[in-house]
């Protein structure tokens, strides 16, 4: 499946920015029908990184994926590439 069909957009709030610094994580709004394995593969393919963990939750505005990167990859670097800053 196309990674751009799974990942809709990054979700940026003050809380997610703190999580990015503390836990090396980013949050994305994803397609509601996608599973953790599809999300992991899509992020790895889109940004050429390795993922340690994917947690999901359903919110009012859709399904959110909290993606934790492996220590050798920094969430700040990925955030810079996608234009969060």
Protein backbone atom coordinates (compact mmCIF):
# COMPACT_ATOMS: atom_id res chain seq x y z
CA UNK A 1 0.00 0.00 0.00
CA UNK A 2 1.13 3.53 -0.74
CA UNK A 3 2.60 5.19 2.40
CA UNK A 4 0.97 8.50 1.44
CA UNK A 5 -2.41 6.77 1.55
CA UNK A 6 -1.78 5.72 5.17
CA UNK A 7 -0.20 8.84 6.70
CA UNK A 8 -2.52 11.84 6.44
CA UNK A 9 -0.51 14.56 8.23
CA UNK A 10 1.64 15.22 11.33
CA UNK A 11 -0.20 16.28 14.48
CA UNK A 12 1.61 19.11 16.26
CA UNK A 13 0.67 20.53 19.65
CA UNK A 14 2.67 21.73 22.62
CA UNK A 15 2.28 18.30 24.22
CA UNK A 16 3.55 16.49 21.13
CA UNK A 17 6.52 18.86 20.94
CA UNK A 18 7.44 17.95 24.53
CA UNK A 19 7.11 14.25 23.71
CA UNK A 20 9.38 14.76 20.72
CA UNK A 21 12.14 16.11 22.97
CA UNK A 22 11.65 13.67 25.88
CA UNK A 23 10.78 10.37 24.17
CA UNK A 24 12.00 10.80 20.58
CA UNK A 25 8.42 10.48 19.25
CA UNK A 26 6.26 12.15 16.63
CA UNK A 27 2.48 11.99 16.30
CA UNK A 28 0.66 11.54 13.01
CA UNK A 29 -2.99 11.43 11.98
CA UNK A 30 -3.39 8.24 9.98
CA UNK A 31 -6.06 6.41 7.99
CA UNK A 32 -8.55 4.85 10.39
CA UNK A 33 -8.32 1.40 8.75
CA UNK A 34 -4.52 1.16 8.96
CA UNK A 35 -2.83 -1.09 11.50
CA UNK A 36 0.42 -0.62 13.42
CA UNK A 37 2.50 -2.67 11.00
CA UNK A 38 1.27 -0.65 8.00
CA UNK A 39 1.97 2.61 9.86
CA UNK A 40 5.47 1.47 10.80
CA UNK A 41 6.29 0.43 7.23
CA UNK A 42 4.88 3.68 5.81
CA UNK A 43 6.92 5.92 8.15
CA UNK A 44 10.10 3.91 7.55
CA UNK A 45 9.62 4.12 3.79
CA UNK A 46 8.68 7.82 3.69
CA UNK A 47 11.48 9.15 5.92
CA UNK A 48 14.17 6.43 5.63
CA UNK A 49 14.29 5.81 9.40
CA UNK A 50 13.86 2.85 11.79
CA UNK A 51 10.89 2.70 14.15
CA UNK A 52 11.08 1.30 17.67
CA UNK A 53 7.39 1.41 18.60
CA UNK A 54 4.00 2.50 17.26
CA UNK A 55 1.07 3.26 19.56
CA UNK A 56 -2.34 4.23 18.24
CA UNK A 57 -5.41 5.93 19.66
CA UNK A 58 -8.75 6.98 18.28
CA UNK A 59 -9.63 10.64 18.80
CA UNK A 60 -12.43 12.93 17.65
CA UNK A 61 -10.43 14.03 14.63
CA UNK A 62 -9.33 10.55 13.54
CA UNK A 63 -6.81 7.88 14.37
CA UNK A 64 -3.51 9.08 15.82
CA UNK A 65 -0.23 7.17 15.73
CA UNK A 66 2.53 7.94 18.24
CA UNK A 67 5.73 6.80 16.56
CA UNK A 68 8.90 6.26 18.62
CA UNK A 69 12.13 6.28 16.64
CA UNK A 70 15.21 4.15 17.27
CA UNK A 71 17.94 6.01 19.22
CA UNK A 72 20.12 6.52 16.15
CA UNK A 73 17.35 8.57 14.48
CA UNK A 74 16.15 11.83 16.03
CA UNK A 75 12.52 12.94 15.90
CA UNK A 76 13.72 16.54 15.63
CA UNK A 77 15.52 15.73 12.37
CA UNK A 78 12.40 14.12 10.90
CA UNK A 79 10.33 17.09 12.13
CA UNK A 80 12.68 19.48 10.33
CA UNK A 81 12.33 17.51 7.09
CA UNK A 82 8.52 17.57 7.17
CA UNK A 83 8.33 21.24 8.15
CA UNK A 84 7.14 21.18 11.76
CA UNK A 85 9.60 23.94 12.75
